[in-house]
Amino acid sequence: MKIMNLRASQGLPARMATIPGVSEPNPTPDLAPLRTHGLPVGHGHVLHVQEWGAPDGLPVLLLHGGPGSGCSPLLRRGFDLTKYRLICPDQRGAGRSTPRGGLMHNTTAKLLDDLWLLRRRLGVERWLVAGGSWGATLALLHALDQPEGVLGLLLRNTFLAREADIRGFFEGAPAALAQGWTGMPELESKAAQALAIEWWRWERLRCGQSDEAQTPAGEVLEAQVDRYRVQSHFLREGCWLQEPPLLDRLAALPQVPLRLLHGEQDAVCPAGGARLLQAAVPWAELEMLPGVGHDPAHPLLQAAQRRALDAFAGRGDFGPPGDAV
């Protein structure tokens, strides 16, 4: 069953045929994005999209995690911006897309429609697709949905969106979070803020990040509330990927270069899931990283990503993995 069937099963309309115009290049690409776009995708949603790097570089679709998190400078690390053209969309309801935290008409199938529209708006025939956690999930689904548009897949700490993955993330969490995360979208302001702080703390703990960061407050906290509203909205629906499960869909994946980078100590997306993913996609190369968790900034993960990207820019594949499994 291809992802197109997911769209049809939800009674969604056919994709839009009109493509909005493209914004002009930024005059100072060394100090700011190469280009910034506002992409209307229907039902009041407008995606915030930034491009970085070389205008004539190898196109890369860079997908953020979450759902609901938005792109960040951290995700651009490892890319040689003299060789790559990074295309970084904030997904519906996320980052600087509007309405921030918007849940109406915000589903996995809608995110895939948006990527279809984005590729056509920018005139990209084929692109390398990179993403981590939920971004890796979405990358796989995009390759199923638009196999003709994908040059390769570079995936970090892939989230399989199984019920066990979702339930496992909240195991051991404070009672308020473990029992209340599914109700996040309906909470009033103060209750939503309190739960968002609990979620933020728990997420940092599971990612192995320091607890020294300042607790979100003010506008930063409001952004976290909107982020977790979107995440709760997706997770409580199983990301619309339960029937059939993601692993069962992958037989239709295009046979393009596929590198899986995964931390052996990942407590958010356990390493066993990466091995199941490789078994489902036999040509995929799995590089397990010892001592690495879910943190995308870990030096070993950054080094492995840079090696793979430098190889792809030069030869069209990711080269030999540092620790193939």
C-alpha atoms as a PDB file:
ATOM      1  CA  MET A   1       0.000   0.000   0.000  1.00  0.00           C
ATOM      2  CA  LYS A   2       1.566   3.260  -1.085  1.00  0.00           C
ATOM      3  CA  ILE A   3       1.152   6.525   0.747  1.00  0.00           C
ATOM      4  CA  MET A   4      -1.169   7.718  -2.017  1.00  0.00           C
ATOM      5  CA  ASN A   5      -3.700   5.275  -0.573  1.00  0.00           C
ATOM      6  CA  LEU A   6      -3.354   6.994   2.797  1.00  0.00           C
ATOM      7  CA  ARG A   7      -4.378  10.255   1.156  1.00  0.00           C
ATOM      8  CA  ALA A   8      -7.347   8.671  -0.565  1.00  0.00           C
ATOM      9  CA  SER A   9      -8.438   6.847   2.582  1.00  0.00           C
ATOM     10  CA  GLN A  10      -8.740  10.193   4.384  1.00  0.00           C
ATOM     11  CA  GLY A  11     -10.938  11.614   1.637  1.00  0.00           C
ATOM     12  CA  LEU A  12      -8.418  14.342   0.807  1.00  0.00           C
ATOM     13  CA  PRO A  13      -8.785  16.382  -2.397  1.00  0.00           C
ATOM     14  CA  ALA A  14      -6.417  16.100  -5.329  1.00  0.00           C
ATOM     15  CA  ARG A  15      -3.213  18.124  -5.100  1.00  0.00           C
ATOM     16  CA  MET A  16      -3.283  21.768  -6.105  1.00  0.00           C
ATOM     17  CA  ALA A  17      -2.291  22.452  -9.691  1.00  0.00           C
ATOM     18  CA  THR A  18      -1.294  26.136  -9.368  1.00  0.00           C
ATOM     19  CA  ILE A  19       2.159  27.028  -8.097  1.00  0.00           C
ATOM     20  CA  PRO A  20       2.758  30.406  -6.385  1.00  0.00           C
ATOM     21  CA  GLY A  21       5.620  32.579  -7.590  1.00  0.00           C
ATOM     22  CA  VAL A  22       9.164  32.304  -6.297  1.00  0.00           C
ATOM     23  CA  SER A  23      10.725  35.054  -4.194  1.00  0.00           C
ATOM     24  CA  GLU A  24      13.861  36.893  -5.275  1.00  0.00           C
ATOM     25  CA  PRO A  25      17.302  35.801  -4.035  1.00  0.00           C
ATOM     26  CA  ASN A  26      18.541  37.431  -0.863  1.00  0.00           C
ATOM     27  CA  PRO A  27      21.272  39.972  -1.740  1.00  0.00           C
ATOM     28  CA  THR A  28      23.542  38.824   1.124  1.00  0.00           C
ATOM     29  CA  PRO A  29      23.582  35.004   1.048  1.00  0.00           C
ATOM     30  CA  ASP A  30      26.697  34.966   3.253  1.00  0.00           C
ATOM     31  CA  LEU A  31      24.822  36.654   6.097  1.00  0.00           C
ATOM     32  CA  ALA A  32      21.277  35.405   5.541  1.00  0.00           C
ATOM     33  CA  PRO A  33      19.383  32.684   3.690  1.00  0.00           C
ATOM     34  CA  LEU A  34      19.860  32.481  -0.038  1.00  0.00           C
ATOM     35  CA  ARG A  35      16.108  32.820  -0.404  1.00  0.00           C
ATOM     36  CA  THR A  36      13.059  32.890   1.846  1.00  0.00           C
ATOM     37  CA  HIS A  37       9.641  31.786   0.663  1.00  0.00           C
ATOM     38  CA  GLY A  38       6.124  31.957   2.005  1.00  0.00           C
ATOM     39  CA  LEU A  39       4.305  29.004   0.427  1.00  0.00           C
ATOM     40  CA  PRO A  40       0.491  28.953   0.712  1.00  0.00           C
ATOM     41  CA  VAL A  41      -0.624  25.318   0.859  1.00  0.00           C
ATOM     42  CA  GLY A  42      -4.351  25.695   1.468  1.00  0.00           C
ATOM     43  CA  HIS A  43      -6.777  25.943   4.398  1.00  0.00           C
ATOM     44  CA  GLY A  44      -4.960  29.029   5.697  1.00  0.00           C
ATOM     45  CA  HIS A  45      -1.576  27.337   6.127  1.00  0.00           C
ATOM     46  CA  VAL A  46       1.517  29.150   4.821  1.00  0.00           C
ATOM     47  CA  LEU A  47       4.868  27.362   5.002  1.00  0.00           C
ATOM     48  CA  HIS A  48       8.012  29.264   5.904  1.00  0.00           C
ATOM     49  CA  VAL A  49      10.812  27.960   3.665  1.00  0.00           C
ATOM     50  CA  GLN A  50      14.465  28.991   3.663  1.00  0.00           C
ATOM     51  CA  GLU A  51      17.199  28.098   1.191  1.00  0.00           C
ATOM     52  CA  TRP A  52      20.894  28.087   2.084  1.00  0.00           C
ATOM     53  CA  GLY A  53      24.092  27.434   0.165  1.00  0.00           C
ATOM     54  CA  ALA A  54      24.916  27.549  -3.528  1.00  0.00           C
ATOM     55  CA  PRO A  55      22.142  28.535  -5.986  1.00  0.00           C
ATOM     56  CA  ASP A  56      23.423  25.906  -8.442  1.00  0.00           C
ATOM     57  CA  GLY A  57      24.339  23.354  -5.775  1.00  0.00           C
ATOM     58  CA  LEU A  58      22.944  19.858  -5.390  1.00  0.00           C
ATOM     59  CA  PRO A  59      19.391  20.307  -4.031  1.00  0.00           C
ATOM     60  CA  VAL A  60      18.686  18.882  -0.582  1.00  0.00           C
ATOM     61  CA  LEU A  61      15.311  18.700   1.115  1.00  0.00           C
ATOM     62  CA  LEU A  62      16.090  19.018   4.832  1.00  0.00           C
ATOM     63  CA  LEU A  63      13.244  17.779   7.048  1.00  0.00           C
ATOM     64  CA  HIS A  64      13.029  18.700  10.717  1.00  0.00           C
ATOM     65  CA  GLY A  65      11.807  16.433  13.478  1.00  0.00           C
ATOM     66  CA  GLY A  66       9.029  16.776  15.974  1.00  0.00           C
ATOM     67  CA  PRO A  67       6.435  16.787  14.586  1.00  0.00           C
ATOM     68  CA  GLY A  68       6.052  20.487  15.220  1.00  0.00           C
ATOM     69  CA  SER A  69       9.648  21.505  15.927  1.00  0.00           C
ATOM     70  CA  GLY A  70      10.667  23.638  12.942  1.00  0.00           C
ATOM     71  CA  CYS A  71      14.053  23.964  11.257  1.00  0.00           C
ATOM     72  CA  SER A  72      17.131  25.138  13.166  1.00  0.00           C
ATOM     73  CA  PRO A  73      20.746  26.036  12.271  1.00  0.00           C
ATOM     74  CA  LEU A  74      21.862  22.790  13.909  1.00  0.00           C
ATOM     75  CA  LEU A  75      20.295  20.785  11.088  1.00  0.00           C
ATOM     76  CA  ARG A  76      22.501  22.497   8.500  1.00  0.00           C
ATOM     77  CA  ARG A  77      25.734  21.277  10.091  1.00  0.00           C
ATOM     78  CA  GLY A  78      27.768  18.886   7.971  1.00  0.00           C
ATOM     79  CA  PHE A  79      26.667  20.348   4.636  1.00  0.00           C
ATOM     80  CA  ASP A  80      29.275  21.959   2.404  1.00  0.00           C
ATOM     81  CA  LEU A  81      27.366  25.077   1.369  1.00  0.00           C
ATOM     82  CA  THR A  82      29.600  25.570  -1.664  1.00  0.00           C
ATOM     83  CA  LYS A  83      28.272  22.299  -3.076  1.00  0.00           C
ATOM     84  CA  TYR A  84      24.748  21.972  -1.687  1.00  0.00           C
ATOM     85  CA  ARG A  85      21.558  23.995  -1.961  1.00  0.00           C
ATOM     86  CA  LEU A  86      19.593  23.333   1.221  1.00  0.00           C
ATOM     87  CA  ILE A  87      15.806  23.677   1.130  1.00  0.00           C
ATOM     88  CA  CYS A  88      14.459  23.887   4.671  1.00  0.00           C
ATOM     89  CA  PRO A  89      10.660  24.000   5.102  1.00  0.00           C
ATOM     90  CA  ASP A  90       8.961  24.467   8.447  1.00  0.00           C
ATOM     91  CA  GLN A  91       6.127  21.936   8.310  1.00  0.00           C
ATOM     92  CA  ARG A  92       2.501  22.896   8.895  1.00  0.00           C
ATOM     93  CA  GLY A  93       1.972  24.457  12.316  1.00  0.00           C
ATOM     94  CA  ALA A  94       5.724  24.387  13.054  1.00  0.00           C
ATOM     95  CA  GLY A  95       8.515  26.930  13.374  1.00  0.00           C
ATOM     96  CA  ARG A  96       7.720  30.123  11.493  1.00  0.00           C
ATOM     97  CA  SER A  97       4.981  28.603   9.368  1.00  0.00           C
ATOM     98  CA  THR A  98       1.531  30.034  10.043  1.00  0.00           C
ATOM     99  CA  PRO A  99      -0.700  29.564  11.868  1.00  0.00           C
ATOM    100  CA  ARG A 100       1.888  28.359  14.392  1.00  0.00           C
ATOM    101  CA  GLY A 101       0.482  25.405  16.278  1.00  0.00           C
ATOM    102  CA  GLY A 102      -2.346  25.050  13.760  1.00  0.00           C
ATOM    103  CA  LEU A 103      -3.962  21.612  13.894  1.00  0.00           C
ATOM    104  CA  MET A 104      -6.778  21.890  11.366  1.00  0.00           C
ATOM    105  CA  HIS A 105      -5.939  20.130   8.089  1.00  0.00           C
ATOM    106  CA  ASN A 106      -2.596  19.117   9.603  1.00  0.00           C
ATOM    107  CA  THR A 107      -1.938  15.431   8.977  1.00  0.00           C
ATOM    108  CA  THR A 108       0.870  13.288   7.596  1.00  0.00           C
ATOM    109  CA  ALA A 109      -0.837  13.138   4.208  1.00  0.00           C
ATOM    110  CA  LYS A 110      -1.105  16.929   4.127  1.00  0.00           C
ATOM    111  CA  LEU A 111       2.616  17.281   4.882  1.00  0.00           C
ATOM    112  CA  LEU A 112       3.354  15.045   1.904  1.00  0.00           C
ATOM    113  CA  ASP A 113       1.121  17.149  -0.328  1.00  0.00           C
ATOM    114  CA  ASP A 114       3.104  20.191   0.804  1.00  0.00           C
ATOM    115  CA  LEU A 115       6.393  18.592  -0.245  1.00  0.00           C
ATOM    116  CA  TRP A 116       4.934  17.803  -3.656  1.00  0.00           C
ATOM    117  CA  LEU A 117       3.922  21.438  -4.033  1.00  0.00           C
ATOM    118  CA  LEU A 118       7.260  22.747  -2.741  1.00  0.00           C
ATOM    119  CA  ARG A 119       9.291  20.688  -5.210  1.00  0.00           C
ATOM    120  CA  ARG A 120       7.245  21.978  -8.118  1.00  0.00           C
ATOM    121  CA  ARG A 121       7.263  25.552  -6.903  1.00  0.00           C
ATOM    122  CA  LEU A 122      11.066  25.542  -6.771  1.00  0.00           C
ATOM    123  CA  GLY A 123      11.450  23.645 -10.044  1.00  0.00           C
ATOM    124  CA  VAL A 124      13.492  20.839  -8.486  1.00  0.00           C
ATOM    125  CA  GLU A 125      13.515  17.665 -10.568  1.00  0.00           C
ATOM    126  CA  ARG A 126      15.263  15.463  -7.985  1.00  0.00           C
ATOM    127  CA  TRP A 127      16.752  16.146  -4.572  1.00  0.00           C
ATOM    128  CA  LEU A 128      18.659  14.414  -1.835  1.00  0.00           C
ATOM    129  CA  VAL A 129      16.401  14.056   1.202  1.00  0.00           C
ATOM    130  CA  ALA A 130      17.845  14.287   4.709  1.00  0.00           C
ATOM    131  CA  GLY A 131      16.112  14.213   8.068  1.00  0.00           C
ATOM    132  CA  GLY A 132      16.304  12.979  11.619  1.00  0.00           C
ATOM    133  CA  SER A 133      13.774  11.387  13.989  1.00  0.00           C
ATOM    134  CA  TRP A 134      10.311  12.381  12.664  1.00  0.00           C
ATOM    135  CA  GLY A 135      12.103  14.094   9.771  1.00  0.00           C
ATOM    136  CA  ALA A 136      13.515  10.688   8.772  1.00  0.00           C
ATOM    137  CA  THR A 137      10.019   9.192   8.944  1.00  0.00           C
ATOM    138  CA  LEU A 138       8.700  11.893   6.664  1.00  0.00           C
ATOM    139  CA  ALA A 139      11.670  11.422   4.313  1.00  0.00           C
ATOM    140  CA  LEU A 140      10.817   7.738   3.842  1.00  0.00           C
ATOM    141  CA  LEU A 141       7.166   8.566   3.219  1.00  0.00           C
ATOM    142  CA  HIS A 142       8.130  11.271   0.728  1.00  0.00           C
ATOM    143  CA  ALA A 143      10.274   8.758  -1.170  1.00  0.00           C
ATOM    144  CA  LEU A 144       7.287   6.389  -1.315  1.00  0.00           C
ATOM    145  CA  ASP A 145       5.020   9.198  -2.433  1.00  0.00           C
ATOM    146  CA  GLN A 146       7.375  10.794  -4.994  1.00  0.00           C
ATOM    147  CA  PRO A 147       9.989   8.164  -5.920  1.00  0.00           C
ATOM    148  CA  GLU A 148      10.792   9.972  -9.144  1.00  0.00           C
ATOM    149  CA  GLY A 149      11.962  13.026  -7.185  1.00  0.00           C
ATOM    150  CA  VAL A 150      14.446  11.414  -4.776  1.00  0.00           C
ATOM    151  CA  LEU A 151      18.200  11.070  -5.429  1.00  0.00           C
ATOM    152  CA  GLY A 152      19.050   9.484  -2.091  1.00  0.00           C
ATOM    153  CA  LEU A 153      18.113   9.348   1.596  1.00  0.00           C
ATOM    154  CA  LEU A 154      20.320  10.296   4.542  1.00  0.00           C
ATOM    155  CA  LEU A 155      18.421   9.436   7.705  1.00  0.00           C
ATOM    156  CA  ARG A 156      19.387  10.023  11.322  1.00  0.00           C
ATOM    157  CA  ASN A 157      17.870   8.212  14.329  1.00  0.00           C
ATOM    158  CA  THR A 158      14.736   7.224  12.425  1.00  0.00           C
ATOM    159  CA  PHE A 159      11.390   7.256  14.242  1.00  0.00           C
ATOM    160  CA  LEU A 160       9.214   4.313  13.143  1.00  0.00           C
ATOM    161  CA  ALA A 161       5.981   5.709  14.641  1.00  0.00           C
ATOM    162  CA  ARG A 162       4.943   2.348  16.039  1.00  0.00           C
ATOM    163  CA  GLU A 163       2.602   2.294  19.018  1.00  0.00           C
ATOM    164  CA  ALA A 164       5.489   0.880  21.067  1.00  0.00           C
ATOM    165  CA  ASP A 165       7.724   3.808  20.036  1.00  0.00           C
ATOM    166  CA  ILE A 166       5.136   6.375  21.088  1.00  0.00           C
ATOM    167  CA  ARG A 167       4.236   4.634  24.326  1.00  0.00           C
ATOM    168  CA  GLY A 168       7.878   3.947  25.104  1.00  0.00           C
ATOM    169  CA  PHE A 169       8.835   7.613  24.945  1.00  0.00           C
ATOM    170  CA  PHE A 170       6.511   8.439  27.842  1.00  0.00           C
ATOM    171  CA  GLU A 171       7.358   5.436  30.023  1.00  0.00           C
ATOM    172  CA  GLY A 172       8.797   6.683  33.295  1.00  0.00           C
ATOM    173  CA  ALA A 173       7.753  10.292  32.655  1.00  0.00           C
ATOM    174  CA  PRO A 174       6.257  12.374  35.485  1.00  0.00           C
ATOM    175  CA  ALA A 175       2.637  11.401  36.062  1.00  0.00           C
ATOM    176  CA  ALA A 176       1.242  14.687  34.750  1.00  0.00           C
ATOM    177  CA  LEU A 177       2.973  14.127  31.415  1.00  0.00           C
ATOM    178  CA  ALA A 178       2.555  10.342  31.171  1.00  0.00           C
ATOM    179  CA  GLN A 179      -1.173  10.624  31.810  1.00  0.00           C
ATOM    180  CA  GLY A 180      -1.909  13.950  30.152  1.00  0.00           C
ATOM    181  CA  TRP A 181       0.131  14.279  26.954  1.00  0.00           C
ATOM    182  CA  THR A 182      -2.729  13.187  24.695  1.00  0.00           C
ATOM    183  CA  GLY A 183      -4.871  16.084  25.937  1.00  0.00           C
ATOM    184  CA  MET A 184      -2.331  18.802  25.173  1.00  0.00           C
ATOM    185  CA  PRO A 185      -4.264  20.341  22.229  1.00  0.00           C
ATOM    186  CA  GLU A 186      -7.336  20.993  24.391  1.00  0.00           C
ATOM    187  CA  LEU A 187      -5.623  22.517  27.441  1.00  0.00           C
ATOM    188  CA  GLU A 188      -6.105  26.135  28.432  1.00  0.00           C
ATOM    189  CA  SER A 189      -3.119  28.460  28.607  1.00  0.00           C
ATOM    190  CA  LYS A 190      -1.709  27.949  32.104  1.00  0.00           C
ATOM    191  CA  ALA A 191      -2.285  24.198  32.108  1.00  0.00           C
ATOM    192  CA  ALA A 192      -0.746  23.948  28.638  1.00  0.00           C
ATOM    193  CA  GLN A 193       2.303  25.911  29.771  1.00  0.00           C
ATOM    194  CA  ALA A 194       2.814  23.675  32.805  1.00  0.00           C
ATOM    195  CA  LEU A 195       2.567  20.516  30.715  1.00  0.00           C
ATOM    196  CA  ALA A 196       4.867  21.960  28.038  1.00  0.00           C
ATOM    197  CA  ILE A 197       7.574  22.552  30.657  1.00  0.00           C
ATOM    198  CA  GLU A 198       7.253  18.956  31.881  1.00  0.00           C
ATOM    199  CA  TRP A 199       7.434  17.686  28.295  1.00  0.00           C
ATOM    200  CA  TRP A 200      10.454  19.882  27.530  1.00  0.00           C
ATOM    201  CA  ARG A 201      12.306  18.597  30.592  1.00  0.00           C
ATOM    202  CA  TRP A 202      11.461  14.980  29.826  1.00  0.00           C
ATOM    203  CA  GLU A 203      12.491  15.307  26.194  1.00  0.00           C
ATOM    204  CA  ARG A 204      15.857  16.780  27.163  1.00  0.00           C
ATOM    205  CA  LEU A 205      16.405  13.955  29.627  1.00  0.00           C
ATOM    206  CA  ARG A 206      15.587  11.276  27.039  1.00  0.00           C
ATOM    207  CA  CYS A 207      17.863  12.988  24.509  1.00  0.00           C
ATOM    208  CA  GLY A 208      20.752  13.003  26.974  1.00  0.00           C
ATOM    209  CA  GLN A 209      20.982  16.798  27.022  1.00  0.00           C
ATOM    210  CA  SER A 210      22.183  18.843  29.973  1.00  0.00           C
ATOM    211  CA  ASP A 211      19.595  20.002  32.515  1.00  0.00           C
ATOM    212  CA  GLU A 212      21.404  23.329  32.841  1.00  0.00           C
ATOM    213  CA  ALA A 213      19.341  25.074  30.163  1.00  0.00           C
ATOM    214  CA  GLN A 214      17.039  27.833  31.317  1.00  0.00           C
ATOM    215  CA  THR A 215      13.405  26.779  31.650  1.00  0.00           C
ATOM    216  CA  PRO A 216      11.349  28.275  28.808  1.00  0.00           C
ATOM    217  CA  ALA A 217       9.362  31.375  29.665  1.00  0.00           C
ATOM    218  CA  GLY A 218       7.466  34.105  27.852  1.00  0.00           C
ATOM    219  CA  GLU A 219       7.372  33.833  24.072  1.00  0.00           C
ATOM    220  CA  VAL A 220       9.807  30.910  24.132  1.00  0.00           C
ATOM    221  CA  LEU A 221       7.374  29.001  26.326  1.00  0.00           C
ATOM    222  CA  GLU A 222       4.438  29.884  24.070  1.00  0.00           C
ATOM    223  CA  ALA A 223       6.399  28.484  21.116  1.00  0.00           C
ATOM    224  CA  GLN A 224       6.972  25.280  23.074  1.00  0.00           C
ATOM    225  CA  VAL A 225       3.262  25.049  23.862  1.00  0.00           C
ATOM    226  CA  ASP A 226       2.431  25.273  20.155  1.00  0.00           C
ATOM    227  CA  ARG A 227       5.168  22.775  19.322  1.00  0.00           C
ATOM    228  CA  TYR A 228       3.844  20.182  21.760  1.00  0.00           C
ATOM    229  CA  ARG A 229       0.246  20.781  20.694  1.00  0.00           C
ATOM    230  CA  VAL A 230       1.246  19.709  17.164  1.00  0.00           C
ATOM    231  CA  GLN A 231       3.308  16.798  18.474  1.00  0.00           C
ATOM    232  CA  SER A 232       0.469  15.539  20.661  1.00  0.00           C
ATOM    233  CA  HIS A 233      -1.953  15.897  17.743  1.00  0.00           C
ATOM    234  CA  PHE A 234       0.237  13.654  15.578  1.00  0.00           C
ATOM    235  CA  LEU A 235       1.302  11.128  18.202  1.00  0.00           C
ATOM    236  CA  ARG A 236      -2.158  10.439  19.570  1.00  0.00           C
ATOM    237  CA  GLU A 237      -3.221   9.578  16.004  1.00  0.00           C
ATOM    238  CA  GLY A 238      -0.210   7.291  15.586  1.00  0.00           C
ATOM    239  CA  CYS A 239       0.984   9.786  12.957  1.00  0.00           C
ATOM    240  CA  TRP A 240      -1.638   8.144  10.692  1.00  0.00           C
ATOM    241  CA  LEU A 241       0.873   5.326  10.104  1.00  0.00           C
ATOM    242  CA  GLN A 242      -0.596   2.371  11.939  1.00  0.00           C
ATOM    243  CA  GLU A 243      -2.559   0.632   9.164  1.00  0.00           C
ATOM    244  CA  PRO A 244      -0.339  -0.587   7.650  1.00  0.00           C
ATOM    245  CA  PRO A 245       2.745   0.163   9.757  1.00  0.00           C
ATOM    246  CA  LEU A 246       5.597   2.103   8.207  1.00  0.00           C
ATOM    247  CA  LEU A 247       7.892  -0.938   8.002  1.00  0.00           C
ATOM    248  CA  ASP A 248       5.292  -2.810   5.966  1.00  0.00           C
ATOM    249  CA  ARG A 249       5.159  -0.023   3.372  1.00  0.00           C
ATOM    250  CA  LEU A 250       8.858   0.019   2.542  1.00  0.00           C
ATOM    251  CA  ALA A 251       8.866  -2.720  -0.100  1.00  0.00           C
ATOM    252  CA  ALA A 252       7.865   0.041  -2.559  1.00  0.00           C
ATOM    253  CA  LEU A 253      10.769   2.318  -1.603  1.00  0.00           C
ATOM    254  CA  PRO A 254      12.871   3.393  -4.617  1.00  0.00           C
ATOM    255  CA  GLN A 255      16.309   1.761  -4.659  1.00  0.00           C
ATOM    256  CA  VAL A 256      18.338   4.931  -4.256  1.00  0.00           C
ATOM    257  CA  PRO A 257      21.385   5.322  -1.970  1.00  0.00           C
ATOM    258  CA  LEU A 258      20.168   5.058   1.611  1.00  0.00           C
ATOM    259  CA  ARG A 259      22.380   5.664   4.650  1.00  0.00           C
ATOM    260  CA  LEU A 260      21.009   5.137   8.167  1.00  0.00           C
ATOM    261  CA  LEU A 261      22.887   6.821  10.997  1.00  0.00           C
ATOM    262  CA  HIS A 262      21.750   5.761  14.460  1.00  0.00           C
ATOM    263  CA  GLY A 263      23.002   6.216  18.006  1.00  0.00           C
ATOM    264  CA  GLU A 264      23.329   2.970  19.943  1.00  0.00           C
ATOM    265  CA  GLN A 265      22.202   4.752  23.118  1.00  0.00           C
ATOM    266  CA  ASP A 266      19.177   6.486  21.615  1.00  0.00           C
ATOM    267  CA  ALA A 267      16.410   6.457  24.253  1.00  0.00           C
ATOM    268  CA  VAL A 268      13.876   8.204  21.997  1.00  0.00           C
ATOM    269  CA  CYS A 269      14.191   5.990  18.905  1.00  0.00           C
ATOM    270  CA  PRO A 270      15.812   2.755  20.171  1.00  0.00           C
ATOM    271  CA  ALA A 271      18.537   1.186  18.041  1.00  0.00           C
ATOM    272  CA  GLY A 272      16.518  -2.004  17.544  1.00  0.00           C
ATOM    273  CA  GLY A 273      14.191  -0.053  15.306  1.00  0.00           C
ATOM    274  CA  ALA A 274      17.084   0.888  13.019  1.00  0.00           C
ATOM    275  CA  ARG A 275      17.983  -2.772  12.607  1.00  0.00           C
ATOM    276  CA  LEU A 276      14.377  -3.596  11.715  1.00  0.00           C
ATOM    277  CA  LEU A 277      14.426  -0.759   9.206  1.00  0.00           C
ATOM    278  CA  GLN A 278      17.568  -2.117   7.563  1.00  0.00           C
ATOM    279  CA  ALA A 279      16.012  -5.580   7.393  1.00  0.00           C
ATOM    280  CA  ALA A 280      12.987  -4.084   5.624  1.00  0.00           C
ATOM    281  CA  VAL A 281      15.234  -2.235   3.141  1.00  0.00           C
ATOM    282  CA  PRO A 282      18.104  -4.654   2.404  1.00  0.00           C
ATOM    283  CA  TRP A 283      20.197  -2.226   0.335  1.00  0.00           C
ATOM    284  CA  ALA A 284      20.245   0.351   3.146  1.00  0.00           C
ATOM    285  CA  GLU A 285      23.588   0.870   4.904  1.00  0.00           C
ATOM    286  CA  LEU A 286      23.331   1.138   8.675  1.00  0.00           C
ATOM    287  CA  GLU A 287      26.045   2.939  10.607  1.00  0.00           C
ATOM    288  CA  MET A 288      25.608   2.403  14.352  1.00  0.00           C
ATOM    289  CA  LEU A 289      27.350   5.019  16.472  1.00  0.00           C
ATOM    290  CA  PRO A 290      28.587   3.846  19.880  1.00  0.00           C
ATOM    291  CA  GLY A 291      27.868   6.074  22.849  1.00  0.00           C
ATOM    292  CA  VAL A 292      25.556   8.307  20.796  1.00  0.00           C
ATOM    293  CA  GLY A 293      21.964   9.016  21.807  1.00  0.00           C
ATOM    294  CA  HIS A 294      19.301  11.136  20.122  1.00  0.00           C
ATOM    295  CA  ASP A 295      21.273  14.389  20.178  1.00  0.00           C
ATOM    296  CA  PRO A 296      21.935  15.567  16.578  1.00  0.00           C
ATOM    297  CA  ALA A 297      24.884  17.660  17.793  1.00  0.00           C
ATOM    298  CA  HIS A 298      26.931  14.696  19.051  1.00  0.00           C
ATOM    299  CA  PRO A 299      30.438  14.893  17.490  1.00  0.00           C
ATOM    300  CA  LEU A 300      30.414  11.266  16.264  1.00  0.00           C
ATOM    301  CA  LEU A 301      27.066  11.753  14.570  1.00  0.00           C
ATOM    302  CA  GLN A 302      28.179  15.050  13.043  1.00  0.00           C
ATOM    303  CA  ALA A 303      31.368  13.444  11.720  1.00  0.00           C
ATOM    304  CA  ALA A 304      29.467  10.512  10.192  1.00  0.00           C
ATOM    305  CA  GLN A 305      27.000  12.865   8.546  1.00  0.00           C
ATOM    306  CA  ARG A 306      29.778  15.030   7.084  1.00  0.00           C
ATOM    307  CA  ARG A 307      31.583  11.984   5.654  1.00  0.00           C
ATOM    308  CA  ALA A 308      28.405  10.788   3.993  1.00  0.00           C
ATOM    309  CA  LEU A 309      27.547  14.216   2.586  1.00  0.00           C
ATOM    310  CA  ASP A 310      31.029  14.895   1.240  1.00  0.00           C
ATOM    311  CA  ALA A 311      30.988  11.516  -0.487  1.00  0.00           C
ATOM    312  CA  PHE A 312      27.545  12.103  -1.978  1.00  0.00           C
ATOM    313  CA  ALA A 313      28.522  15.519  -3.327  1.00  0.00           C
ATOM    314  CA  GLY A 314      31.545  13.988  -5.039  1.00  0.00           C
ATOM    315  CA  ARG A 315      30.277  10.641  -6.324  1.00  0.00           C
ATOM    316  CA  GLY A 316      26.515  10.323  -5.904  1.00  0.00           C
ATOM    317  CA  ASP A 317      26.603   7.795  -3.075  1.00  0.00           C
ATOM    318  CA  PHE A 318      27.500   7.910   0.603  1.00  0.00           C
ATOM    319  CA  GLY A 319      30.743   5.958   0.441  1.00  0.00           C
ATOM    320  CA  PRO A 320      31.630   3.133   2.835  1.00  0.00           C
ATOM    321  CA  PRO A 321      30.003   3.495   6.251  1.00  0.00           C
ATOM    322  CA  GLY A 322      32.339   3.925   9.179  1.00  0.00           C
ATOM    323  CA  ASP A 323      30.752   0.997  11.029  1.00  0.00           C
ATOM    324  CA  ALA A 324      28.450  -0.940   8.724  1.00  0.00           C
ATOM    325  CA  VAL A 325      26.100  -3.440  10.365  1.00  0.00           C
END
